[in-house]
C-alpha cells in the first residue's frame, strides 16, 4: 500500500510540475544560387515570421510542414516587398516546449534577407 501511494505521488509530481523541456532544431528550407557578374543588388533588410501550435494530450495544432508554411507566409506578409525585391536565404527554426506531457507548444520562426535589385 505504501509503495502505491509513493508511486501515485511521483506520477502526480511529474505530471503537475511546471518544469519544461525545450528542444530546438534549425534547418535551411530553400537554397538560392545567384551568379552575378556585376554588383547590381543590395541587401535592404531582414524579414521575420512566426507560427505557433499548441497540443493538449498530443491532440491539436498543425503538422510540421503546415506550421513551417504558416511561418513563411507570415514572413512574406511582414516583408512588404516592392517590385525589384525578393527574399533570399530563407531559414526556419523549430522550437518545442513541453510543459508536462499534457501541454506542448511548438513555435516555428522563419527569417530571410530582403534583396533589392537595381
Protein backbone atom coordinates (compact mmCIF):
# COMPACT_ATOMS: atom_id res chain seq x y z
CA UNK A 1 0.00 0.00 0.00
CA UNK A 2 2.83 2.36 0.90
CA UNK A 3 4.52 1.70 -2.49
CA UNK A 4 1.29 2.50 -4.35
CA UNK A 5 0.95 5.84 -2.54
CA UNK A 6 4.59 6.74 -3.30
CA UNK A 7 4.17 5.77 -6.96
CA UNK A 8 0.97 7.83 -7.25
CA UNK A 9 2.68 10.81 -5.61
CA UNK A 10 5.64 10.54 -8.01
CA UNK A 11 3.36 10.38 -11.06
CA UNK A 12 1.34 13.36 -9.79
CA UNK A 13 4.50 15.37 -9.14
CA UNK A 14 5.86 14.68 -12.65
CA UNK A 15 2.53 15.38 -14.34
CA UNK A 16 1.65 18.56 -12.47
CA UNK A 17 5.08 20.15 -12.28
CA UNK A 18 5.71 23.41 -14.09
CA UNK A 19 9.09 22.38 -15.46
CA UNK A 20 9.51 22.29 -19.18
CA UNK A 21 11.66 20.57 -21.72
CA UNK A 22 12.83 22.57 -24.70
CA UNK A 23 14.47 21.17 -27.79
CA UNK A 24 15.45 23.18 -30.81
CA UNK A 25 16.25 22.25 -34.37
CA UNK A 26 17.20 24.52 -37.22
CA UNK A 27 17.29 23.82 -40.92
CA UNK A 28 17.65 25.72 -44.18
CA UNK A 29 14.39 25.48 -46.09
CA UNK A 30 15.45 26.68 -49.51
CA UNK A 31 18.68 27.18 -51.31
CA UNK A 32 19.15 30.19 -53.56
CA UNK A 33 22.00 30.28 -56.04
CA UNK A 34 22.65 33.53 -57.85
CA UNK A 35 25.63 34.13 -60.09
CA UNK A 36 26.07 37.81 -60.79
CA UNK A 37 28.76 39.30 -62.95
CA UNK A 38 28.23 42.83 -61.64
CA UNK A 39 27.17 44.47 -58.43
CA UNK A 40 23.52 45.14 -59.27
CA UNK A 41 21.87 44.30 -55.94
CA UNK A 42 21.94 45.27 -52.26
CA UNK A 43 20.60 43.73 -49.05
CA UNK A 44 18.00 46.15 -47.68
CA UNK A 45 16.80 44.31 -44.59
CA UNK A 46 15.55 41.16 -42.97
CA UNK A 47 12.06 39.66 -42.81
CA UNK A 48 10.64 37.65 -39.89
CA UNK A 49 7.56 35.49 -39.38
CA UNK A 50 6.29 33.21 -36.62
CA UNK A 51 3.65 30.49 -36.26
CA UNK A 52 2.65 28.52 -33.14
CA UNK A 53 0.79 25.30 -32.49
CA UNK A 54 -0.47 24.02 -29.15
CA UNK A 55 -1.17 20.40 -28.28
CA UNK A 56 -3.09 19.01 -25.30
CA UNK A 57 -2.58 15.28 -24.79
CA UNK A 58 -0.85 15.29 -28.24
CA UNK A 59 -4.10 16.45 -29.90
CA UNK A 60 -4.47 19.70 -31.82
CA UNK A 61 -2.22 22.05 -33.72
CA UNK A 62 -0.74 21.60 -37.18
CA UNK A 63 1.70 19.24 -38.81
CA UNK A 64 5.34 20.37 -39.06
CA UNK A 65 5.11 21.26 -42.77
CA UNK A 66 1.93 23.32 -42.31
CA UNK A 67 3.46 25.17 -39.36
CA UNK A 68 6.57 25.99 -41.43
CA UNK A 69 4.43 27.21 -44.34
CA UNK A 70 2.41 29.45 -42.00
CA UNK A 71 5.61 30.99 -40.62
CA UNK A 72 6.97 31.59 -44.15
CA UNK A 73 3.65 33.13 -45.26
CA UNK A 74 3.67 35.43 -42.23
CA UNK A 75 7.27 36.40 -43.03
CA UNK A 76 6.32 37.21 -46.63
CA UNK A 77 3.47 39.46 -45.43
CA UNK A 78 5.77 41.25 -42.99
CA UNK A 79 8.45 41.84 -45.67
CA UNK A 80 6.34 44.38 -47.66
CA UNK A 81 8.30 43.66 -50.86
CA UNK A 82 8.31 46.08 -53.79
CA UNK A 83 8.76 45.21 -57.47
CA UNK A 84 12.54 44.78 -57.51
CA UNK A 85 12.86 43.00 -54.14
CA UNK A 86 12.94 39.32 -53.24
CA UNK A 87 13.57 37.09 -50.23
CA UNK A 88 16.77 35.04 -50.10
CA UNK A 89 18.42 32.75 -47.55
CA UNK A 90 15.10 31.61 -46.09
CA UNK A 91 15.69 29.77 -42.83
CA UNK A 92 13.22 28.14 -40.46
CA UNK A 93 13.76 27.39 -36.79
CA UNK A 94 11.53 25.00 -34.81
CA UNK A 95 11.33 25.06 -31.01
CA UNK A 96 9.36 22.51 -28.99
CA UNK A 97 8.41 23.39 -25.43
CA UNK A 98 6.91 20.63 -23.32
CA UNK A 99 5.23 21.58 -20.07
CA UNK A 100 4.37 18.14 -18.75
CA UNK A 101 3.15 15.52 -21.22
CA UNK A 102 -0.25 17.20 -21.11
CA UNK A 103 0.65 20.52 -22.82
CA UNK A 104 3.12 21.01 -25.68
CA UNK A 105 3.78 24.23 -27.62
CA UNK A 106 5.65 24.25 -30.94
CA UNK A 107 6.94 27.54 -32.37
CA UNK A 108 8.31 27.96 -35.89
CA UNK A 109 10.28 31.10 -36.80
CA UNK A 110 11.17 31.99 -40.39
CA UNK A 111 13.79 34.57 -41.36
CA UNK A 112 15.15 35.77 -44.70
CA UNK A 113 17.23 38.56 -46.20
CA UNK A 114 15.46 41.12 -48.37
CA UNK A 115 17.49 41.78 -51.52
CA UNK A 116 16.76 44.65 -53.90
CA UNK A 117 17.97 44.61 -57.50
CA UNK A 118 18.92 47.87 -59.24
